[in-house]
C-alpha atoms as a PDB file:
ATOM      1  CA  MET A   1     209.134 258.228  10.038  1.00  0.00           C
ATOM      2  CA  GLN A   2     213.025 257.701  10.997  1.00  0.00           C
ATOM      3  CA  HIS A   3     214.441 258.987  14.203  1.00  0.00           C
ATOM      4  CA  VAL A   4     217.773 260.086  15.504  1.00  0.00           C
ATOM      5  CA  ALA A   5     218.293 259.565  19.271  1.00  0.00           C
ATOM      6  CA  ILE A   6     221.210 261.753  20.929  1.00  0.00           C
ATOM      7  CA  LEU A   7     222.991 260.300  23.883  1.00  0.00           C
ATOM      8  CA  LYS A   8     224.916 261.702  26.709  1.00  0.00           C
ATOM      9  CA  LYS A   9     228.477 260.006  26.051  1.00  0.00           C
ATOM     10  CA  SER A  10     229.425 260.054  29.565  1.00  0.00           C
ATOM     11  CA  TRP A  11     226.544 257.534  30.272  1.00  0.00           C
ATOM     12  CA  GLY A  12     228.366 254.847  27.540  1.00  0.00           C
ATOM     13  CA  MET A  13     225.154 253.574  26.303  1.00  0.00           C
ATOM     14  CA  LEU A  14     226.218 253.091  22.743  1.00  0.00           C
ATOM     15  CA  PRO A  15     228.389 250.082  23.393  1.00  0.00           C
ATOM     16  CA  LYS A  16     225.499 248.596  25.738  1.00  0.00           C
ATOM     17  CA  ILE A  17     222.788 248.714  22.614  1.00  0.00           C
ATOM     18  CA  LEU A  18     224.974 247.182  20.249  1.00  0.00           C
ATOM     19  CA  HIS A  19     225.903 244.286  22.386  1.00  0.00           C
ATOM     20  CA  GLY A  20     222.215 243.950  23.474  1.00  0.00           C
ATOM     21  CA  GLU A  21     222.960 245.011  27.226  1.00  0.00           C
ATOM     22  CA  LYS A  22     220.198 248.046  26.467  1.00  0.00           C
ATOM     23  CA  THR A  23     217.527 246.798  24.781  1.00  0.00           C
ATOM     24  CA  ILE A  24     215.166 249.957  25.538  1.00  0.00           C
ATOM     25  CA  GLU A  25     215.699 253.845  24.816  1.00  0.00           C
ATOM     26  CA  SER A  26     214.164 255.677  27.607  1.00  0.00           C
ATOM     27  CA  ARG A  27     213.165 259.292  27.291  1.00  0.00           C
ATOM     28  CA  TRP A  28     211.813 261.394  30.412  1.00  0.00           C
ATOM     29  CA  TYR A  29     209.924 264.528  29.505  1.00  0.00           C
ATOM     30  CA  SER A  30     208.195 267.446  31.671  1.00  0.00           C
ATOM     31  CA  ALA A  31     206.009 267.827  28.389  1.00  0.00           C
ATOM     32  CA  LYS A  32     205.094 265.933  25.293  1.00  0.00           C
ATOM     33  CA  LEU A  33     208.317 266.003  23.165  1.00  0.00           C
ATOM     34  CA  PRO A  34     209.371 263.860  20.314  1.00  0.00           C
ATOM     35  CA  PRO A  35     209.226 260.897  19.969  1.00  0.00           C
ATOM     36  CA  TRP A  36     205.839 261.066  21.918  1.00  0.00           C
ATOM     37  CA  ASP A  37     203.246 259.870  19.922  1.00  0.00           C
ATOM     38  CA  HIS A  38     205.695 260.355  17.084  1.00  0.00           C
ATOM     39  CA  ILE A  39     207.380 256.575  17.022  1.00  0.00           C
ATOM     40  CA  ALA A  40     205.901 253.152  15.558  1.00  0.00           C
ATOM     41  CA  VAL A  41     206.973 249.583  15.638  1.00  0.00           C
ATOM     42  CA  GLY A  42     209.179 248.978  12.529  1.00  0.00           C
ATOM     43  CA  GLU A  43     210.506 252.530  12.485  1.00  0.00           C
ATOM     44  CA  MET A  44     214.146 252.870  12.603  1.00  0.00           C
ATOM     45  CA  VAL A  45     216.488 254.691  15.621  1.00  0.00           C
ATOM     46  CA  TYR A  46     219.853 255.840  14.263  1.00  0.00           C
ATOM     47  CA  PHE A  47     222.177 256.807  17.401  1.00  0.00           C
ATOM     48  CA  LYS A  48     224.895 258.988  17.906  1.00  0.00           C
ATOM     49  CA  ASN A  49     226.579 260.361  21.182  1.00  0.00           C
ATOM     50  CA  SER A  50     226.379 263.877  21.540  1.00  0.00           C
ATOM     51  CA  GLY A  51     229.218 265.800  19.357  1.00  0.00           C
ATOM     52  CA  GLU A  52     230.041 262.631  17.417  1.00  0.00           C
ATOM     53  CA  PRO A  53     228.655 261.041  14.238  1.00  0.00           C
ATOM     54  CA  VAL A  54     225.555 258.592  13.711  1.00  0.00           C
ATOM     55  CA  SER A  55     227.137 255.396  13.936  1.00  0.00           C
ATOM     56  CA  LEU A  56     224.374 252.845  15.370  1.00  0.00           C
ATOM     57  CA  LYS A  57     220.830 251.663  14.132  1.00  0.00           C
ATOM     58  CA  ALA A  58     218.227 249.642  15.465  1.00  0.00           C
ATOM     59  CA  THR A  59     214.740 248.607  14.862  1.00  0.00           C
ATOM     60  CA  VAL A  60     211.596 249.752  17.313  1.00  0.00           C
ATOM     61  CA  ALA A  61     210.117 246.792  18.378  1.00  0.00           C
ATOM     62  CA  LYS A  62     207.639 248.000  20.533  1.00  0.00           C
ATOM     63  CA  VAL A  63     206.539 251.123  22.101  1.00  0.00           C
ATOM     64  CA  VAL A  64     205.227 252.130  25.703  1.00  0.00           C
ATOM     65  CA  GLN A  65     204.215 255.708  26.925  1.00  0.00           C
ATOM     66  CA  PHE A  66     203.314 256.611  30.687  1.00  0.00           C
ATOM     67  CA  GLN A  67     201.937 260.192  31.579  1.00  0.00           C
ATOM     68  CA  ASP A  68     201.148 261.784  34.982  1.00  0.00           C
ATOM     69  CA  LEU A  69     204.292 260.364  36.384  1.00  0.00           C
ATOM     70  CA  THR A  70     204.632 260.437  40.195  1.00  0.00           C
ATOM     71  CA  PRO A  71     207.699 259.447  42.150  1.00  0.00           C
ATOM     72  CA  GLN A  72     206.065 255.844  42.869  1.00  0.00           C
ATOM     73  CA  LYS A  73     205.413 255.279  39.239  1.00  0.00           C
ATOM     74  CA  ILE A  74     208.832 256.472  38.247  1.00  0.00           C
ATOM     75  CA  ASP A  75     210.353 253.692  40.826  1.00  0.00           C
ATOM     76  CA  ALA A  76     207.733 251.252  39.522  1.00  0.00           C
ATOM     77  CA  ILE A  77     208.877 251.773  35.757  1.00  0.00           C
ATOM     78  CA  LEU A  78     212.635 251.624  36.837  1.00  0.00           C
ATOM     79  CA  GLU A  79     212.001 248.446  38.816  1.00  0.00           C
ATOM     80  CA  GLU A  80     210.504 246.875  35.628  1.00  0.00           C
ATOM     81  CA  TYR A  81     212.370 248.039  33.139  1.00  0.00           C
ATOM     82  CA  GLY A  82     215.595 249.640  34.741  1.00  0.00           C
ATOM     83  CA  SER A  83     217.914 246.992  33.585  1.00  0.00           C
ATOM     84  CA  PRO A  84     216.970 246.813  30.072  1.00  0.00           C
ATOM     85  CA  ILE A  85     217.073 250.593  29.704  1.00  0.00           C
ATOM     86  CA  GLY A  86     220.790 250.335  30.837  1.00  0.00           C
ATOM     87  CA  ILE A  87     220.391 251.698  34.214  1.00  0.00           C
ATOM     88  CA  GLU A  88     222.706 250.732  37.003  1.00  0.00           C
ATOM     89  CA  ASP A  89     221.695 252.943  39.824  1.00  0.00           C
ATOM     90  CA  LYS A  90     218.185 253.245  40.005  1.00  0.00           C
ATOM     91  CA  GLU A  91     218.016 255.190  42.938  1.00  0.00           C
ATOM     92  CA  SER A  92     219.825 258.059  41.735  1.00  0.00           C
ATOM     93  CA  PHE A  93     218.297 258.130  38.381  1.00  0.00           C
ATOM     94  CA  SER A  94     215.058 258.175  40.139  1.00  0.00           C
ATOM     95  CA  GLN A  95     216.191 261.408  41.764  1.00  0.00           C
ATOM     96  CA  LEU A  96     217.443 262.427  38.336  1.00  0.00           C
ATOM     97  CA  VAL A  97     214.021 262.133  36.452  1.00  0.00           C
ATOM     98  CA  ASN A  98     211.624 262.666  39.965  1.00  0.00           C
ATOM     99  CA  LYS A  99     209.923 265.716  38.399  1.00  0.00           C
ATOM    100  CA  LYS A 100     209.268 264.471  35.114  1.00  0.00           C
ATOM    101  CA  LYS A 101     205.590 263.825  33.774  1.00  0.00           C
ATOM    102  CA  PHE A 102     206.124 261.627  30.883  1.00  0.00           C
ATOM    103  CA  CYS A 103     207.963 258.750  29.903  1.00  0.00           C
ATOM    104  CA  ILE A 104     208.380 256.803  26.728  1.00  0.00           C
ATOM    105  CA  LEU A 105     210.260 253.259  26.253  1.00  0.00           C
ATOM    106  CA  VAL A 106     211.300 252.588  22.768  1.00  0.00           C
ATOM    107  CA  PHE A 107     211.972 248.848  22.598  1.00  0.00           C
ATOM    108  CA  LEU A 108     214.947 247.789  20.471  1.00  0.00           C
ATOM    109  CA  SER A 109     215.757 244.821  18.006  1.00  0.00           C
ATOM    110  CA  ASP A 110     218.655 244.309  15.600  1.00  0.00           C
ATOM    111  CA  ALA A 111     220.801 246.839  16.415  1.00  0.00           C
ATOM    112  CA  LEU A 112     223.971 247.194  14.285  1.00  0.00           C
ATOM    113  CA  LYS A 113     226.803 249.347  13.791  1.00  0.00           C
ATOM    114  CA  ILE A 114     227.000 251.292  10.465  1.00  0.00           C
ATOM    115  CA  GLU A 115     229.048 253.542   8.600  1.00  0.00           C
ATOM    116  CA  PRO A 116     229.457 256.691  10.483  1.00  0.00           C
ATOM    117  CA  PHE A 117     227.640 260.145   9.169  1.00  0.00           C
ATOM    118  CA  GLU A 118     227.085 263.616  10.385  1.00  0.00           C
ATOM    119  CA  ILE A 119     223.567 264.962  10.392  1.00  0.00           C
ATOM    120  CA  ASP A 120     222.312 268.795  10.207  1.00  0.00           C
ATOM    121  CA  LYS A 121     220.005 269.618  13.100  1.00  0.00           C
ATOM    122  CA  LYS A 122     219.178 272.755  11.571  1.00  0.00           C
ATOM    123  CA  GLY A 123     215.514 273.404  12.398  1.00  0.00           C
ATOM    124  CA  PHE A 124     215.275 271.056  15.106  1.00  0.00           C
ATOM    125  CA  GLY A 125     216.775 273.469  17.866  1.00  0.00           C
ATOM    126  CA  LEU A 126     220.304 273.379  19.701  1.00  0.00           C
ATOM    127  CA  MET A 127     219.071 271.148  22.551  1.00  0.00           C
ATOM    128  CA  ALA A 128     217.147 268.717  20.577  1.00  0.00           C
ATOM    129  CA  ALA A 129     218.166 265.067  21.643  1.00  0.00           C
ATOM    130  CA  TRP A 130     215.512 263.441  19.406  1.00  0.00           C
ATOM    131  CA  LEU A 131     214.729 263.967  15.805  1.00  0.00           C
ATOM    132  CA  CYS A 132     211.854 262.766  13.806  1.00  0.00           C
ATOM    133  CA  VAL A 133     212.269 262.631  10.080  1.00  0.00           C
ATOM    134  CA  PRO A 134     210.510 261.117   7.267  1.00  0.00           C
ATOM    135  CA  ASP A 135     213.882 260.139   5.636  1.00  0.00           C
ATOM    136  CA  ILE A 136     217.156 260.435   7.194  1.00  0.00           C
ATOM    137  CA  GLN A 137     218.412 261.310   3.980  1.00  0.00           C
ATOM    138  CA  LYS A 138     217.133 264.486   4.181  1.00  0.00           C
ATOM    139  CA  ILE A 139     219.373 265.596   7.164  1.00  0.00           C
ATOM    140  CA  LYS A 140     222.813 263.299   6.341  1.00  0.00           C
ATOM    141  CA  ARG A 141     225.731 266.076   6.052  1.00  0.00           C
ATOM    142  CA  ILE A 142     227.106 265.903   2.737  1.00  0.00           C
ATOM    143  CA  ARG A 143     231.079 265.791   2.935  1.00  0.00           C
ATOM    144  CA  LYS A 144     232.797 268.112   0.626  1.00  0.00           C
ATOM    145  CA  ALA A 145     235.488 266.850  -1.566  1.00  0.00           C
ATOM    146  CA  LEU A 146     238.899 268.787  -1.014  1.00  0.00           C
END
């Protein structure tokens, strides 16, 4: 399986991943959404900012899943993993995710800048922020020659 993680540009996480400051991608959910139970060590994650092309990839080194979250469990996760997730203000972030019930941590290795490419999200839903595909080539948008 291959994955596309769509990030909020305003959070500035792409450069942090590229430079090794952010080594864990976290997803916080109210329900079990992808990549929950759909990602494994050795798989590739492609990254893009919302509204921009894919420009970075990294290999999955480890996956940890947490469920039945409480504010106390969230605080413990942020205390242990907040810095490698790239969270600077743990208290504010805790408030942002305090009602979530599931958290998945995807540990990253070998982050590389790649030749940018667009994707076709048709069939995944407009709000999908994580895509799981058997082959990234299937969702690469082909540029038409002029």
